[in-house]
Amino acid sequence: MTVDRAVDILRSEGYLGSRQGSRTTVIAVPEAQPDDSGDGQEQSEEFRVLFGQLQEIRGQIQTFAAKLEELDERTKNL
């Protein structure tokens, strides 16, 4: 599955929004644990897999950002 397809799925499920010329933004965050309230907002298995993968990517990006900040500090005065 491609990132574009994942974004399309998240957009169709109402979690992402975008406008031409602007970034894609999160407009809703799913609940951590689906409840059994019967409100009809059960998430697909595909969504749960994609959401897990996106969380993993987010963690990796945060790690890279911290490493980049550390490198910036170490090379600031070179």
Protein backbone atom coordinates (compact mmCIF):
# COMPACT_ATOMS: atom_id res chain seq x y z
CA MET A 1 0.00 0.00 0.00
CA THR A 2 1.27 3.47 -0.84
CA VAL A 3 1.29 6.53 1.38
CA ASP A 4 -1.10 8.24 -1.04
CA ARG A 5 -3.57 5.36 -0.64
CA ALA A 6 -3.21 5.48 3.15
CA VAL A 7 -3.89 9.22 3.16
CA ASP A 8 -6.91 8.70 0.90
CA ILE A 9 -8.32 6.12 3.31
CA LEU A 10 -7.75 8.33 6.36
CA ARG A 11 -9.31 11.28 4.51
CA SER A 12 -12.37 9.21 3.53
CA GLU A 13 -12.81 8.09 7.14
CA GLY A 14 -12.79 11.74 8.27
CA TYR A 15 -9.44 11.81 10.06
CA LEU A 16 -7.49 13.99 7.60
CA GLY A 17 -8.29 17.16 5.71
CA SER A 18 -6.43 18.99 3.00
CA ARG A 19 -6.74 21.90 0.59
CA GLN A 20 -4.86 22.54 -2.59
CA GLY A 21 -1.68 24.46 -1.78
CA SER A 22 -1.82 23.52 1.92
CA ARG A 23 -0.58 20.64 3.98
CA THR A 24 -2.74 17.69 4.94
CA THR A 25 -3.82 18.07 8.55
CA VAL A 26 -5.37 15.82 11.17
CA ILE A 27 -8.96 16.90 11.80
CA ALA A 28 -10.01 14.04 14.09
CA VAL A 29 -8.20 11.59 16.32
CA PRO A 30 -9.60 8.10 16.82
CA GLU A 31 -10.23 6.87 20.31
CA ALA A 32 -7.45 4.77 21.77
CA GLN A 33 -9.83 1.87 22.40
CA PRO A 34 -12.99 1.40 20.33
CA ASP A 35 -16.01 1.30 22.57
CA ASP A 36 -19.07 -0.86 22.19
CA SER A 37 -21.55 2.02 22.34
CA GLY A 38 -23.05 1.02 18.99
CA ASP A 39 -22.60 4.47 17.48
CA GLY A 40 -21.65 2.97 14.10
CA GLN A 41 -18.13 4.41 14.04
CA GLU A 42 -16.24 1.13 14.11
CA GLN A 43 -12.90 1.42 12.34
CA SER A 44 -11.87 -0.99 9.63
CA GLU A 45 -9.00 -3.40 10.12
CA GLU A 46 -7.21 -1.58 7.31
CA PHE A 47 -7.51 1.68 9.25
CA ARG A 48 -6.15 0.11 12.44
CA VAL A 49 -3.15 -1.28 10.56
CA LEU A 50 -2.48 2.06 8.87
CA PHE A 51 -2.89 3.97 12.11
CA GLY A 52 -0.37 1.68 13.83
CA GLN A 53 2.08 2.16 10.98
CA LEU A 54 1.62 5.94 11.13
CA GLN A 55 2.27 5.92 14.87
CA GLU A 56 5.48 3.98 14.27
CA ILE A 57 6.54 6.47 11.58
CA ARG A 58 5.75 9.36 13.93
CA GLY A 59 8.04 7.83 16.57
CA GLN A 60 10.84 7.41 14.06
CA ILE A 61 10.46 11.01 12.88
CA GLN A 62 10.64 12.23 16.48
CA THR A 63 13.84 10.22 16.98
CA PHE A 64 15.37 11.68 13.82
CA ALA A 65 14.31 15.19 14.84
CA ALA A 66 16.03 14.78 18.22
CA LYS A 67 19.20 13.51 16.54
CA LEU A 68 19.14 16.39 14.07
CA GLU A 69 18.71 18.90 16.89
CA GLU A 70 21.68 17.33 18.69
CA LEU A 71 23.80 17.57 15.54
CA ASP A 72 22.78 21.20 15.06
CA GLU A 73 23.88 21.99 18.61
CA ARG A 74 27.20 20.20 18.18
CA THR A 75 27.99 21.95 14.89
CA LYS A 76 26.58 25.38 15.74
CA ASN A 77 29.97 27.00 16.28
CA LEU A 78 31.97 25.32 13.52
